[in-house]
Amino acid sequence: MGITVTNIDQAVSFYLDVTGGSLDGPYEKFGPAVDAATGFPGVTVFLAFINLDGGGVIELAEYRHGSGEKIPTDTNRPGVAHPAFTVADLDAVMERVGRQGFPAISEPKRATAGPMENYRYVYVLGPDNVRVELLETPHLPTAVQPPSTGTH
């Protein structure tokens, strides 16, 4: 998943806190090949890659000298995407990103039906007001095993 940002350092810090991933970069890219690939002559792009456990990658890109205007990021607008991440401890992630100044839109909720039933979830306004969905996997009680009788 690629996300265009206005501040690569701020975005890296936020997405590392959310995902617990590892960082590759940032890298500064410019020149004729970048101009041709992006379609923006004279642009400089700072790229950082957050490598996720399990194989996913988040590409963060900050465009300089050719940046466009910010678009509305409200998720009720057709065509606007939002990243969603499963996290082990929703409250801990909310606390970490909250300390960076990225608030949750509401208190966490619990899904009551469908494939996400019993997941806790919340939206956080991340860098550039991108709505980031955080989902905590249900913590199911461990099954109690009957006591062993000593026979086979």
C-alpha atoms as a PDB file:
ATOM      1  CA  MET A   1       0.000   0.000   0.000  1.00  0.00           C
ATOM      2  CA  GLY A   2       1.335   3.429  -0.878  1.00  0.00           C
ATOM      3  CA  ILE A   3       0.443   6.611   1.001  1.00  0.00           C
ATOM      4  CA  THR A   4       1.461  10.120  -0.054  1.00  0.00           C
ATOM      5  CA  VAL A   5       2.372  12.279   2.944  1.00  0.00           C
ATOM      6  CA  THR A   6       3.508  15.838   3.617  1.00  0.00           C
ATOM      7  CA  ASN A   7       6.086  14.934   6.286  1.00  0.00           C
ATOM      8  CA  ILE A   8       7.993  11.670   5.816  1.00  0.00           C
ATOM      9  CA  ASP A   9       9.537  11.671   9.312  1.00  0.00           C
ATOM     10  CA  GLN A  10       6.202  12.180  11.057  1.00  0.00           C
ATOM     11  CA  ALA A  11       4.523   9.507   8.921  1.00  0.00           C
ATOM     12  CA  VAL A  12       7.337   7.004   9.528  1.00  0.00           C
ATOM     13  CA  SER A  13       7.059   7.480  13.297  1.00  0.00           C
ATOM     14  CA  PHE A  14       3.272   7.053  13.223  1.00  0.00           C
ATOM     15  CA  TYR A  15       3.165   3.946  11.012  1.00  0.00           C
ATOM     16  CA  LEU A  16       6.020   2.291  12.912  1.00  0.00           C
ATOM     17  CA  ASP A  17       4.060   2.811  16.158  1.00  0.00           C
ATOM     18  CA  VAL A  18       0.875   1.412  14.615  1.00  0.00           C
ATOM     19  CA  THR A  19       2.392  -1.632  12.934  1.00  0.00           C
ATOM     20  CA  GLY A  20       5.538  -2.502  14.872  1.00  0.00           C
ATOM     21  CA  GLY A  21       7.188  -2.979  11.475  1.00  0.00           C
ATOM     22  CA  SER A  22      10.753  -2.261  10.442  1.00  0.00           C
ATOM     23  CA  LEU A  23      11.983   0.725   8.443  1.00  0.00           C
ATOM     24  CA  ASP A  24      13.822   0.751   5.131  1.00  0.00           C
ATOM     25  CA  GLY A  25      14.784   4.305   4.146  1.00  0.00           C
ATOM     26  CA  PRO A  26      13.997   7.094   3.751  1.00  0.00           C
ATOM     27  CA  TYR A  27      15.525   7.498   0.307  1.00  0.00           C
ATOM     28  CA  GLU A  28      15.693  10.660  -1.803  1.00  0.00           C
ATOM     29  CA  LYS A  29      14.814  10.074  -5.481  1.00  0.00           C
ATOM     30  CA  PHE A  30      14.962  12.596  -8.324  1.00  0.00           C
ATOM     31  CA  GLY A  31      16.082  12.968 -11.921  1.00  0.00           C
ATOM     32  CA  PRO A  32      14.833  12.082 -15.386  1.00  0.00           C
ATOM     33  CA  ALA A  33      13.727   8.536 -14.486  1.00  0.00           C
ATOM     34  CA  VAL A  34      11.696   9.788 -11.499  1.00  0.00           C
ATOM     35  CA  ASP A  35      10.241  12.633 -13.601  1.00  0.00           C
ATOM     36  CA  ALA A  36       9.153  10.095 -16.234  1.00  0.00           C
ATOM     37  CA  ALA A  37       7.830   7.511 -13.767  1.00  0.00           C
ATOM     38  CA  THR A  38       5.770  10.000 -11.755  1.00  0.00           C
ATOM     39  CA  GLY A  39       4.773  12.298 -14.616  1.00  0.00           C
ATOM     40  CA  PHE A  40       5.894  15.300 -12.522  1.00  0.00           C
ATOM     41  CA  PRO A  41       8.951  17.044 -14.022  1.00  0.00           C
ATOM     42  CA  GLY A  42      11.409  18.379 -11.436  1.00  0.00           C
ATOM     43  CA  VAL A  43       9.931  16.421  -8.537  1.00  0.00           C
ATOM     44  CA  THR A  44      11.960  15.034  -5.642  1.00  0.00           C
ATOM     45  CA  VAL A  45      10.390  12.095  -3.829  1.00  0.00           C
ATOM     46  CA  PHE A  46      11.391  10.916  -0.366  1.00  0.00           C
ATOM     47  CA  LEU A  47      10.437   7.246   0.048  1.00  0.00           C
ATOM     48  CA  ALA A  48      10.287   5.119   3.173  1.00  0.00           C
ATOM     49  CA  PHE A  49       9.142   1.524   3.419  1.00  0.00           C
ATOM     50  CA  ILE A  50       7.587  -0.003   6.531  1.00  0.00           C
ATOM     51  CA  ASN A  51       8.042  -3.774   6.325  1.00  0.00           C
ATOM     52  CA  LEU A  52       5.232  -5.603   8.097  1.00  0.00           C
ATOM     53  CA  ASP A  53       5.385  -8.946   9.849  1.00  0.00           C
ATOM     54  CA  GLY A  54       3.796 -11.442   7.511  1.00  0.00           C
ATOM     55  CA  GLY A  55       5.066  -9.819   4.340  1.00  0.00           C
ATOM     56  CA  GLY A  56       3.178  -6.580   3.660  1.00  0.00           C
ATOM     57  CA  VAL A  57       4.834  -3.239   2.933  1.00  0.00           C
ATOM     58  CA  ILE A  58       3.657   0.333   3.420  1.00  0.00           C
ATOM     59  CA  GLU A  59       5.340   2.760   1.028  1.00  0.00           C
ATOM     60  CA  LEU A  60       5.354   6.348   2.296  1.00  0.00           C
ATOM     61  CA  ALA A  61       6.108   9.043  -0.301  1.00  0.00           C
ATOM     62  CA  GLU A  62       6.706  12.745   0.282  1.00  0.00           C
ATOM     63  CA  TYR A  63       6.782  14.786  -2.942  1.00  0.00           C
ATOM     64  CA  ARG A  64       8.780  18.007  -2.993  1.00  0.00           C
ATOM     65  CA  HIS A  65       9.074  20.482  -5.882  1.00  0.00           C
ATOM     66  CA  GLY A  66       5.979  19.222  -7.593  1.00  0.00           C
ATOM     67  CA  SER A  67       3.554  18.407  -4.810  1.00  0.00           C
ATOM     68  CA  GLY A  68      -0.123  18.713  -5.552  1.00  0.00           C
ATOM     69  CA  GLU A  69      -2.714  20.190  -3.262  1.00  0.00           C
ATOM     70  CA  LYS A  70      -4.062  18.131  -0.389  1.00  0.00           C
ATOM     71  CA  ILE A  71      -7.225  16.208  -1.125  1.00  0.00           C
ATOM     72  CA  PRO A  72     -10.106  15.632   1.279  1.00  0.00           C
ATOM     73  CA  THR A  73      -9.460  12.316   3.043  1.00  0.00           C
ATOM     74  CA  ASP A  74     -12.925  11.740   4.477  1.00  0.00           C
ATOM     75  CA  THR A  75     -13.733   8.065   3.983  1.00  0.00           C
ATOM     76  CA  ASN A  76     -17.319   8.810   2.929  1.00  0.00           C
ATOM     77  CA  ARG A  77     -15.965  10.151  -0.397  1.00  0.00           C
ATOM     78  CA  PRO A  78     -15.966   7.600  -3.233  1.00  0.00           C
ATOM     79  CA  GLY A  79     -12.430   6.676  -4.231  1.00  0.00           C
ATOM     80  CA  VAL A  80     -10.840   7.555  -0.887  1.00  0.00           C
ATOM     81  CA  ALA A  81      -9.093   4.583   0.697  1.00  0.00           C
ATOM     82  CA  HIS A  82      -8.079   4.084   4.301  1.00  0.00           C
ATOM     83  CA  PRO A  83      -5.428   1.778   5.710  1.00  0.00           C
ATOM     84  CA  ALA A  84      -6.587  -0.797   8.255  1.00  0.00           C
ATOM     85  CA  PHE A  85      -4.291  -2.754  10.568  1.00  0.00           C
ATOM     86  CA  THR A  86      -4.839  -5.537  13.060  1.00  0.00           C
ATOM     87  CA  VAL A  87      -3.058  -4.886  16.324  1.00  0.00           C
ATOM     88  CA  ALA A  88      -2.495  -7.073  19.370  1.00  0.00           C
ATOM     89  CA  ASP A  89      -3.284  -4.335  21.929  1.00  0.00           C
ATOM     90  CA  LEU A  90      -5.606  -1.590  20.680  1.00  0.00           C
ATOM     91  CA  ASP A  91      -5.352   0.498  23.855  1.00  0.00           C
ATOM     92  CA  ALA A  92      -1.532   0.492  23.778  1.00  0.00           C
ATOM     93  CA  VAL A  93      -1.408   1.551  20.118  1.00  0.00           C
ATOM     94  CA  MET A  94      -3.984   4.294  20.732  1.00  0.00           C
ATOM     95  CA  GLU A  95      -1.883   5.571  23.642  1.00  0.00           C
ATOM     96  CA  ARG A  96       1.337   5.635  21.584  1.00  0.00           C
ATOM     97  CA  VAL A  97      -0.148   7.451  18.594  1.00  0.00           C
ATOM     98  CA  GLY A  98      -2.152   9.728  20.886  1.00  0.00           C
ATOM     99  CA  ARG A  99       1.116  10.905  22.468  1.00  0.00           C
ATOM    100  CA  GLN A 100       2.231  11.878  18.939  1.00  0.00           C
ATOM    101  CA  GLY A 101      -0.897  14.039  18.578  1.00  0.00           C
ATOM    102  CA  PHE A 102      -3.020  11.652  16.494  1.00  0.00           C
ATOM    103  CA  PRO A 103      -6.394  11.271  18.221  1.00  0.00           C
ATOM    104  CA  ALA A 104      -8.969   8.540  17.954  1.00  0.00           C
ATOM    105  CA  ILE A 105     -12.239   9.703  16.412  1.00  0.00           C
ATOM    106  CA  SER A 106     -14.257   7.896  19.097  1.00  0.00           C
ATOM    107  CA  GLU A 107     -13.907   5.402  21.901  1.00  0.00           C
ATOM    108  CA  PRO A 108     -13.190   1.863  20.648  1.00  0.00           C
ATOM    109  CA  LYS A 109     -16.237  -0.077  19.504  1.00  0.00           C
ATOM    110  CA  ARG A 110     -16.887  -3.820  19.243  1.00  0.00           C
ATOM    111  CA  ALA A 111     -18.196  -5.365  16.008  1.00  0.00           C
ATOM    112  CA  THR A 112     -21.349  -7.368  16.682  1.00  0.00           C
ATOM    113  CA  ALA A 113     -21.849  -9.304  13.439  1.00  0.00           C
ATOM    114  CA  GLY A 114     -20.167 -10.461  10.252  1.00  0.00           C
ATOM    115  CA  PRO A 115     -16.569 -11.534   9.662  1.00  0.00           C
ATOM    116  CA  MET A 116     -15.239  -8.993  12.166  1.00  0.00           C
ATOM    117  CA  GLU A 117     -17.578 -10.035  14.991  1.00  0.00           C
ATOM    118  CA  ASN A 118     -16.026  -9.409  18.424  1.00  0.00           C
ATOM    119  CA  TYR A 119     -13.136  -7.388  16.997  1.00  0.00           C
ATOM    120  CA  ARG A 120     -12.541  -4.089  18.807  1.00  0.00           C
ATOM    121  CA  TYR A 121     -11.995  -1.235  16.370  1.00  0.00           C
ATOM    122  CA  VAL A 122     -11.420   2.489  16.187  1.00  0.00           C
ATOM    123  CA  TYR A 123     -10.443   5.090  13.590  1.00  0.00           C
ATOM    124  CA  VAL A 124      -7.475   7.340  14.304  1.00  0.00           C
ATOM    125  CA  LEU A 125      -6.729  10.544  12.412  1.00  0.00           C
ATOM    126  CA  GLY A 126      -3.140   9.928  11.333  1.00  0.00           C
ATOM    127  CA  PRO A 127      -0.679  12.107   9.428  1.00  0.00           C
ATOM    128  CA  ASP A 128      -2.377  14.336   6.831  1.00  0.00           C
ATOM    129  CA  ASN A 129      -5.753  13.456   8.402  1.00  0.00           C
ATOM    130  CA  VAL A 130      -5.737   9.984   6.853  1.00  0.00           C
ATOM    131  CA  ARG A 131      -8.280   7.872   8.709  1.00  0.00           C
ATOM    132  CA  VAL A 132      -6.461   4.769   9.901  1.00  0.00           C
ATOM    133  CA  GLU A 133      -8.565   1.874  11.135  1.00  0.00           C
ATOM    134  CA  LEU A 134      -7.136  -0.151  14.013  1.00  0.00           C
ATOM    135  CA  LEU A 135      -8.614  -3.596  14.694  1.00  0.00           C
ATOM    136  CA  GLU A 136      -7.887  -5.736  17.726  1.00  0.00           C
ATOM    137  CA  THR A 137      -8.348  -9.469  17.197  1.00  0.00           C
ATOM    138  CA  PRO A 138     -10.798 -11.016  19.670  1.00  0.00           C
ATOM    139  CA  HIS A 139      -9.142 -12.488  22.730  1.00  0.00           C
ATOM    140  CA  LEU A 140     -10.953 -15.775  23.141  1.00  0.00           C
ATOM    141  CA  PRO A 141     -10.736 -17.628  26.454  1.00  0.00           C
ATOM    142  CA  THR A 142      -8.453 -20.638  26.469  1.00  0.00           C
ATOM    143  CA  ALA A 143     -10.358 -23.930  26.569  1.00  0.00           C
ATOM    144  CA  VAL A 144     -10.148 -25.686  29.912  1.00  0.00           C
ATOM    145  CA  GLN A 145      -8.746 -29.195  29.574  1.00  0.00           C
ATOM    146  CA  PRO A 146     -10.245 -31.925  31.752  1.00  0.00           C
ATOM    147  CA  PRO A 147      -7.881 -33.239  34.409  1.00  0.00           C
ATOM    148  CA  SER A 148      -5.818 -36.252  33.423  1.00  0.00           C
ATOM    149  CA  THR A 149      -6.902 -39.533  34.974  1.00  0.00           C
ATOM    150  CA  GLY A 150      -3.485 -41.112  34.550  1.00  0.00           C
ATOM    151  CA  THR A 151      -4.811 -43.795  32.207  1.00  0.00           C
ATOM    152  CA  HIS A 152      -4.410 -44.068  28.471  1.00  0.00           C
END
